[in-house]
Amino acid sequence: RIDVWYIENWSIWLDINIILLTII
């Protein structure tokens, strides 16, 4: 469900946000 949401709402800023949260 969350993966599908990501596909439908992708943006480069979302990717950067996910990377930052992953590091945290």
PDB file of all heavy atoms in Angstrom:
ATOM      1  N   ARG A   1       0.829  -1.209   0.000  1.00  0.00           N
ATOM      2  CA  ARG A   1       0.000   0.000   0.000  1.00  0.00           C
ATOM      3  C   ARG A   1       0.866   1.263   0.000  1.00  0.00           C
ATOM      4  O   ARG A   1       0.611   2.209  -0.757  1.00  0.00           O
ATOM      5  CB  ARG A   1      -0.912  -0.007   1.227  1.00  0.00           C
ATOM      6  CG  ARG A   1      -1.878   1.181   1.275  1.00  0.00           C
ATOM      7  CD  ARG A   1      -2.786   1.137   2.491  1.00  0.00           C
ATOM      8  NE  ARG A   1      -2.050   1.314   3.737  1.00  0.00           N
ATOM      9  CZ  ARG A   1      -1.786   0.347   4.600  1.00  0.00           C
ATOM     10  NH1 ARG A   1      -2.207  -0.891   4.367  1.00  0.00           N
ATOM     11  NH2 ARG A   1      -1.113   0.588   5.712  1.00  0.00           N
ATOM     12  N   ILE A   2       1.899   1.272   0.821  1.00  0.00           N
ATOM     13  CA  ILE A   2       2.772   2.447   0.904  1.00  0.00           C
ATOM     14  C   ILE A   2       3.642   2.570  -0.346  1.00  0.00           C
ATOM     15  O   ILE A   2       3.905   3.673  -0.836  1.00  0.00           O
ATOM     16  CB  ILE A   2       3.633   2.380   2.177  1.00  0.00           C
ATOM     17  CG1 ILE A   2       2.722   2.480   3.406  1.00  0.00           C
ATOM     18  CG2 ILE A   2       4.666   3.497   2.206  1.00  0.00           C
ATOM     19  CD1 ILE A   2       3.433   2.305   4.721  1.00  0.00           C
ATOM     20  N   ASP A   3       4.088   1.440  -0.896  1.00  0.00           N
ATOM     21  CA  ASP A   3       4.876   1.470  -2.133  1.00  0.00           C
ATOM     22  C   ASP A   3       4.056   2.052  -3.288  1.00  0.00           C
ATOM     23  O   ASP A   3       4.572   2.829  -4.103  1.00  0.00           O
ATOM     24  CB  ASP A   3       5.350   0.058  -2.495  1.00  0.00           C
ATOM     25  CG  ASP A   3       6.521  -0.396  -1.636  1.00  0.00           C
ATOM     26  OD1 ASP A   3       7.222   0.459  -1.073  1.00  0.00           O
ATOM     27  OD2 ASP A   3       6.729  -1.623  -1.521  1.00  0.00           O
ATOM     28  N   VAL A   4       2.777   1.677  -3.359  1.00  0.00           N
ATOM     29  CA  VAL A   4       1.895   2.200  -4.418  1.00  0.00           C
ATOM     30  C   VAL A   4       1.699   3.697  -4.219  1.00  0.00           C
ATOM     31  O   VAL A   4       1.704   4.471  -5.187  1.00  0.00           O
ATOM     32  CB  VAL A   4       0.547   1.456  -4.429  1.00  0.00           C
ATOM     33  CG1 VAL A   4      -0.437   2.140  -5.379  1.00  0.00           C
ATOM     34  CG2 VAL A   4       0.740   0.002  -4.851  1.00  0.00           C
ATOM     35  N   TRP A   5       1.545   4.120  -2.961  1.00  0.00           N
ATOM     36  CA  TRP A   5       1.409   5.562  -2.681  1.00  0.00           C
ATOM     37  C   TRP A   5       2.658   6.306  -3.170  1.00  0.00           C
ATOM     38  O   TRP A   5       2.549   7.395  -3.751  1.00  0.00           O
ATOM     39  CB  TRP A   5       1.234   5.789  -1.182  1.00  0.00           C
ATOM     40  CG  TRP A   5       1.024   7.232  -0.827  1.00  0.00           C
ATOM     41  CD1 TRP A   5      -0.157   7.891  -0.705  1.00  0.00           C
ATOM     42  CD2 TRP A   5       2.054   8.215  -0.594  1.00  0.00           C
ATOM     43  NE1 TRP A   5       0.054   9.212  -0.397  1.00  0.00           N
ATOM     44  CE2 TRP A   5       1.407   9.443  -0.324  1.00  0.00           C
ATOM     45  CE3 TRP A   5       3.442   8.181  -0.574  1.00  0.00           C
ATOM     46  CZ2 TRP A   5       2.105  10.616  -0.048  1.00  0.00           C
ATOM     47  CZ3 TRP A   5       4.139   9.347  -0.303  1.00  0.00           C
ATOM     48  CH2 TRP A   5       3.483  10.550  -0.046  1.00  0.00           C
ATOM     49  N   TYR A   6       3.828   5.728  -2.934  1.00  0.00           N
ATOM     50  CA  TYR A   6       5.073   6.362  -3.380  1.00  0.00           C
ATOM     51  C   TYR A   6       5.092   6.521  -4.903  1.00  0.00           C
ATOM     52  O   TYR A   6       5.453   7.583  -5.415  1.00  0.00           O
ATOM     53  CB  TYR A   6       6.269   5.516  -2.929  1.00  0.00           C
ATOM     54  CG  TYR A   6       7.576   5.917  -3.585  1.00  0.00           C
ATOM     55  CD1 TYR A   6       8.300   7.007  -3.137  1.00  0.00           C
ATOM     56  CD2 TYR A   6       8.071   5.191  -4.669  1.00  0.00           C
ATOM     57  CE1 TYR A   6       9.490   7.388  -3.749  1.00  0.00           C
ATOM     58  CE2 TYR A   6       9.260   5.557  -5.284  1.00  0.00           C
ATOM     59  CZ  TYR A   6       9.962   6.662  -4.824  1.00  0.00           C
ATOM     60  OH  TYR A   6      11.127   7.033  -5.446  1.00  0.00           O
ATOM     61  N   ILE A   7       4.670   5.478  -5.612  1.00  0.00           N
ATOM     62  CA  ILE A   7       4.661   5.519  -7.076  1.00  0.00           C
ATOM     63  C   ILE A   7       3.730   6.623  -7.580  1.00  0.00           C
ATOM     64  O   ILE A   7       4.040   7.332  -8.542  1.00  0.00           O
ATOM     65  CB  ILE A   7       4.240   4.144  -7.645  1.00  0.00           C
ATOM     66  CG1 ILE A   7       5.328   3.102  -7.355  1.00  0.00           C
ATOM     67  CG2 ILE A   7       3.967   4.221  -9.151  1.00  0.00           C
ATOM     68  CD1 ILE A   7       4.904   1.677  -7.649  1.00  0.00           C
ATOM     69  N   GLU A   8       2.593   6.792  -6.901  1.00  0.00           N
ATOM     70  CA  GLU A   8       1.605   7.781  -7.334  1.00  0.00           C
ATOM     71  C   GLU A   8       1.979   9.206  -6.936  1.00  0.00           C
ATOM     72  O   GLU A   8       1.442  10.163  -7.501  1.00  0.00           O
ATOM     73  CB  GLU A   8       0.238   7.434  -6.736  1.00  0.00           C
ATOM     74  CG  GLU A   8      -0.341   6.135  -7.255  1.00  0.00           C
ATOM     75  CD  GLU A   8      -1.645   5.748  -6.573  1.00  0.00           C
ATOM     76  OE1 GLU A   8      -1.960   6.337  -5.513  1.00  0.00           O
ATOM     77  OE2 GLU A   8      -2.344   4.870  -7.100  1.00  0.00           O
ATOM     78  N   ASN A   9       2.878   9.356  -5.967  1.00  0.00           N
ATOM     79  CA  ASN A   9       3.194  10.688  -5.450  1.00  0.00           C
ATOM     80  C   ASN A   9       4.672  11.042  -5.574  1.00  0.00           C
ATOM     81  O   ASN A   9       5.150  11.955  -4.893  1.00  0.00           O
ATOM     82  CB  ASN A   9       2.774  10.783  -3.979  1.00  0.00           C
ATOM     83  CG  ASN A   9       1.284  10.694  -3.788  1.00  0.00           C
ATOM     84  OD1 ASN A   9       0.570  11.690  -3.839  1.00  0.00           O
ATOM     85  ND2 ASN A   9       0.775   9.486  -3.569  1.00  0.00           N
ATOM     86  N   TRP A  10       5.390  10.360  -6.447  1.00  0.00           N
ATOM     87  CA  TRP A  10       6.833  10.564  -6.534  1.00  0.00           C
ATOM     88  C   TRP A  10       7.181  12.012  -6.867  1.00  0.00           C
ATOM     89  O   TRP A  10       6.512  12.692  -7.660  1.00  0.00           O
ATOM     90  CB  TRP A  10       7.454   9.674  -7.614  1.00  0.00           C
ATOM     91  CG  TRP A  10       8.924   9.960  -7.764  1.00  0.00           C
ATOM     92  CD1 TRP A  10       9.938   9.391  -7.082  1.00  0.00           C
ATOM     93  CD2 TRP A  10       9.525  10.939  -8.644  1.00  0.00           C
ATOM     94  NE1 TRP A  10      11.142   9.941  -7.461  1.00  0.00           N
ATOM     95  CE2 TRP A  10      10.922  10.894  -8.413  1.00  0.00           C
ATOM     96  CE3 TRP A  10       9.021  11.835  -9.569  1.00  0.00           C
ATOM     97  CZ2 TRP A  10      11.809  11.713  -9.102  1.00  0.00           C
ATOM     98  CZ3 TRP A  10       9.913  12.667 -10.242  1.00  0.00           C
ATOM     99  CH2 TRP A  10      11.294  12.588 -10.015  1.00  0.00           C
ATOM    100  N   SER A  11       8.260  12.478  -6.246  1.00  0.00           N
ATOM    101  CA  SER A  11       8.932  13.712  -6.634  1.00  0.00           C
ATOM    102  C   SER A  11      10.375  13.584  -6.167  1.00  0.00           C
ATOM    103  O   SER A  11      10.677  12.782  -5.273  1.00  0.00           O
ATOM    104  CB  SER A  11       8.276  14.950  -5.999  1.00  0.00           C
ATOM    105  OG  SER A  11       8.558  14.998  -4.620  1.00  0.00           O
ATOM    106  N   ILE A  12      11.272  14.352  -6.736  1.00  0.00           N
ATOM    107  CA  ILE A  12      12.676  14.276  -6.339  1.00  0.00           C
ATOM    108  C   ILE A  12      12.839  14.723  -4.889  1.00  0.00           C
ATOM    109  O   ILE A  12      13.689  14.215  -4.154  1.00  0.00           O
ATOM    110  CB  ILE A  12      13.570  15.128  -7.283  1.00  0.00           C
ATOM    111  CG1 ILE A  12      15.054  14.811  -7.057  1.00  0.00           C
ATOM    112  CG2 ILE A  12      13.285  16.603  -7.113  1.00  0.00           C
ATOM    113  CD1 ILE A  12      15.440  13.378  -7.349  1.00  0.00           C
ATOM    114  N   TRP A  13      11.963  15.646  -4.451  1.00  0.00           N
ATOM    115  CA  TRP A  13      12.016  16.107  -3.064  1.00  0.00           C
ATOM    116  C   TRP A  13      11.554  15.006  -2.117  1.00  0.00           C
ATOM    117  O   TRP A  13      12.055  14.907  -0.990  1.00  0.00           O
ATOM    118  CB  TRP A  13      11.165  17.369  -2.898  1.00  0.00           C
ATOM    119  CG  TRP A  13      11.483  18.404  -3.923  1.00  0.00           C
ATOM    120  CD1 TRP A  13      10.660  18.875  -4.904  1.00  0.00           C
ATOM    121  CD2 TRP A  13      12.737  19.079  -4.115  1.00  0.00           C
ATOM    122  NE1 TRP A  13      11.308  19.798  -5.686  1.00  0.00           N
ATOM    123  CE2 TRP A  13      12.583  19.946  -5.221  1.00  0.00           C
ATOM    124  CE3 TRP A  13      13.961  19.044  -3.450  1.00  0.00           C
ATOM    125  CZ2 TRP A  13      13.611  20.762  -5.669  1.00  0.00           C
ATOM    126  CZ3 TRP A  13      14.986  19.853  -3.908  1.00  0.00           C
ATOM    127  CH2 TRP A  13      14.813  20.699  -5.006  1.00  0.00           C
ATOM    128  N   LEU A  14      10.599  14.193  -2.559  1.00  0.00           N
ATOM    129  CA  LEU A  14      10.167  13.060  -1.738  1.00  0.00           C
ATOM    130  C   LEU A  14      11.319  12.068  -1.584  1.00  0.00           C
ATOM    131  O   LEU A  14      11.553  11.534  -0.490  1.00  0.00           O
ATOM    132  CB  LEU A  14       8.955  12.372  -2.377  1.00  0.00           C
ATOM    133  CG  LEU A  14       8.419  11.125  -1.660  1.00  0.00           C
ATOM    134  CD1 LEU A  14       7.972  11.462  -0.245  1.00  0.00           C
ATOM    135  CD2 LEU A  14       7.258  10.503  -2.457  1.00  0.00           C
ATOM    136  N   ASP A  15      12.060  11.820  -2.667  1.00  0.00           N
ATOM    137  CA  ASP A  15      13.228  10.934  -2.593  1.00  0.00           C
ATOM    138  C   ASP A  15      14.256  11.452  -1.594  1.00  0.00           C
ATOM    139  O   ASP A  15      14.795  10.690  -0.771  1.00  0.00           O
ATOM    140  CB  ASP A  15      13.875  10.791  -3.977  1.00  0.00           C
ATOM    141  CG  ASP A  15      13.191   9.728  -4.832  1.00  0.00           C
ATOM    142  OD1 ASP A  15      12.177   9.171  -4.366  1.00  0.00           O
ATOM    143  OD2 ASP A  15      13.666   9.459  -5.944  1.00  0.00           O
ATOM    144  N   ILE A  16      14.539  12.752  -1.661  1.00  0.00           N
ATOM    145  CA  ILE A  16      15.520  13.345  -0.746  1.00  0.00           C
ATOM    146  C   ILE A  16      15.039  13.226   0.692  1.00  0.00           C
ATOM    147  O   ILE A  16      15.815  12.912   1.608  1.00  0.00           O
ATOM    148  CB  ILE A  16      15.774  14.822  -1.118  1.00  0.00           C
ATOM    149  CG1 ILE A  16      16.491  14.900  -2.485  1.00  0.00           C
ATOM    150  CG2 ILE A  16      16.596  15.535  -0.043  1.00  0.00           C
ATOM    151  CD1 ILE A  16      16.596  16.302  -3.049  1.00  0.00           C
ATOM    152  N   ASN A  17      13.759  13.455   0.897  1.00  0.00           N
ATOM    153  CA  ASN A  17      13.176  13.345   2.236  1.00  0.00           C
ATOM    154  C   ASN A  17      13.302  11.915   2.775  1.00  0.00           C
ATOM    155  O   ASN A  17      13.661  11.700   3.946  1.00  0.00           O
ATOM    156  CB  ASN A  17      11.705  13.756   2.186  1.00  0.00           C
ATOM    157  CG  ASN A  17      11.044  13.711   3.546  1.00  0.00           C
ATOM    158  OD1 ASN A  17      11.540  14.262   4.514  1.00  0.00           O
ATOM    159  ND2 ASN A  17       9.917  13.035   3.627  1.00  0.00           N
ATOM    160  N   ILE A  18      13.032  10.923   1.929  1.00  0.00           N
ATOM    161  CA  ILE A  18      13.130   9.515   2.338  1.00  0.00           C
ATOM    162  C   ILE A  18      14.575   9.160   2.689  1.00  0.00           C
ATOM    163  O   ILE A  18      14.828   8.450   3.667  1.00  0.00           O
ATOM    164  CB  ILE A  18      12.591   8.594   1.227  1.00  0.00           C
ATOM    165  CG1 ILE A  18      11.067   8.757   1.104  1.00  0.00           C
ATOM    166  CG2 ILE A  18      12.935   7.133   1.510  1.00  0.00           C
ATOM    167  CD1 ILE A  18      10.465   8.050  -0.092  1.00  0.00           C
ATOM    168  N   ILE A  19      15.525   9.662   1.906  1.00  0.00           N
ATOM    169  CA  ILE A  19      16.942   9.403   2.179  1.00  0.00           C
ATOM    170  C   ILE A  19      17.346   9.990   3.533  1.00  0.00           C
ATOM    171  O   ILE A  19      18.020   9.338   4.338  1.00  0.00           O
ATOM    172  CB  ILE A  19      17.832   9.977   1.053  1.00  0.00           C
ATOM    173  CG1 ILE A  19      17.628   9.175  -0.239  1.00  0.00           C
ATOM    174  CG2 ILE A  19      19.308   9.948   1.453  1.00  0.00           C
ATOM    175  CD1 ILE A  19      18.251   9.805  -1.459  1.00  0.00           C
ATOM    176  N   LEU A  20      16.925  11.232   3.806  1.00  0.00           N
ATOM    177  CA  LEU A  20      17.239  11.874   5.083  1.00  0.00           C
ATOM    178  C   LEU A  20      16.645  11.095   6.254  1.00  0.00           C
ATOM    179  O   LEU A  20      17.311  10.867   7.269  1.00  0.00           O
ATOM    180  CB  LEU A  20      16.726  13.318   5.093  1.00  0.00           C
ATOM    181  CG  LEU A  20      17.432  14.301   4.147  1.00  0.00           C
ATOM    182  CD1 LEU A  20      16.707  15.644   4.150  1.00  0.00           C
ATOM    183  CD2 LEU A  20      18.883  14.500   4.560  1.00  0.00           C
ATOM    184  N   LEU A  21      15.391  10.667   6.118  1.00  0.00           N
ATOM    185  CA  LEU A  21      14.742   9.901   7.185  1.00  0.00           C
ATOM    186  C   LEU A  21      15.383   8.526   7.356  1.00  0.00           C
ATOM    187  O   LEU A  21      15.453   7.999   8.473  1.00  0.00           O
ATOM    188  CB  LEU A  21      13.246   9.754   6.887  1.00  0.00           C
ATOM    189  CG  LEU A  21      12.420  11.041   7.001  1.00  0.00           C
ATOM    190  CD1 LEU A  21      10.981  10.801   6.552  1.00  0.00           C
ATOM    191  CD2 LEU A  21      12.436  11.570   8.428  1.00  0.00           C
ATOM    192  N   THR A  22      15.869   7.945   6.251  1.00  0.00           N
ATOM    193  CA  THR A  22      16.577   6.663   6.331  1.00  0.00           C
ATOM    194  C   THR A  22      17.865   6.811   7.121  1.00  0.00           C
ATOM    195  O   THR A  22      18.186   5.968   7.976  1.00  0.00           O
ATOM    196  CB  THR A  22      16.888   6.129   4.911  1.00  0.00           C
ATOM    197  OG1 THR A  22      15.661   5.944   4.195  1.00  0.00           O
ATOM    198  CG2 THR A  22      17.638   4.806   4.987  1.00  0.00           C
ATOM    199  N   ILE A  23      18.605   7.880   6.856  1.00  0.00           N
ATOM    200  CA  ILE A  23      19.855   8.132   7.583  1.00  0.00           C
ATOM    201  C   ILE A  23      19.576   8.294   9.075  1.00  0.00           C
ATOM    202  O   ILE A  23      20.287   7.742   9.924  1.00  0.00           O
ATOM    203  CB  ILE A  23      20.567   9.379   7.018  1.00  0.00           C
ATOM    204  CG1 ILE A  23      21.024   9.116   5.580  1.00  0.00           C
ATOM    205  CG2 ILE A  23      21.750   9.771   7.895  1.00  0.00           C
ATOM    206  CD1 ILE A  23      21.525  10.348   4.860  1.00  0.00           C
ATOM    207  N   ILE A  24      18.515   9.038   9.397  1.00  0.00           N
ATOM    208  CA  ILE A  24      18.139   9.226  10.810  1.00  0.00           C
ATOM    209  C   ILE A  24      17.801   7.890  11.452  1.00  0.00           C
ATOM    210  O   ILE A  24      18.209   7.602  12.586  1.00  0.00           O
ATOM    211  CB  ILE A  24      16.945  10.201  10.915  1.00  0.00           C
ATOM    212  CG1 ILE A  24      17.379  11.603  10.490  1.00  0.00           C
ATOM    213  CG2 ILE A  24      16.385  10.220  12.336  1.00  0.00           C
ATOM    214  CD1 ILE A  24      16.252  12.596  10.351  1.00  0.00           C
TER     215      ILE A  24
END
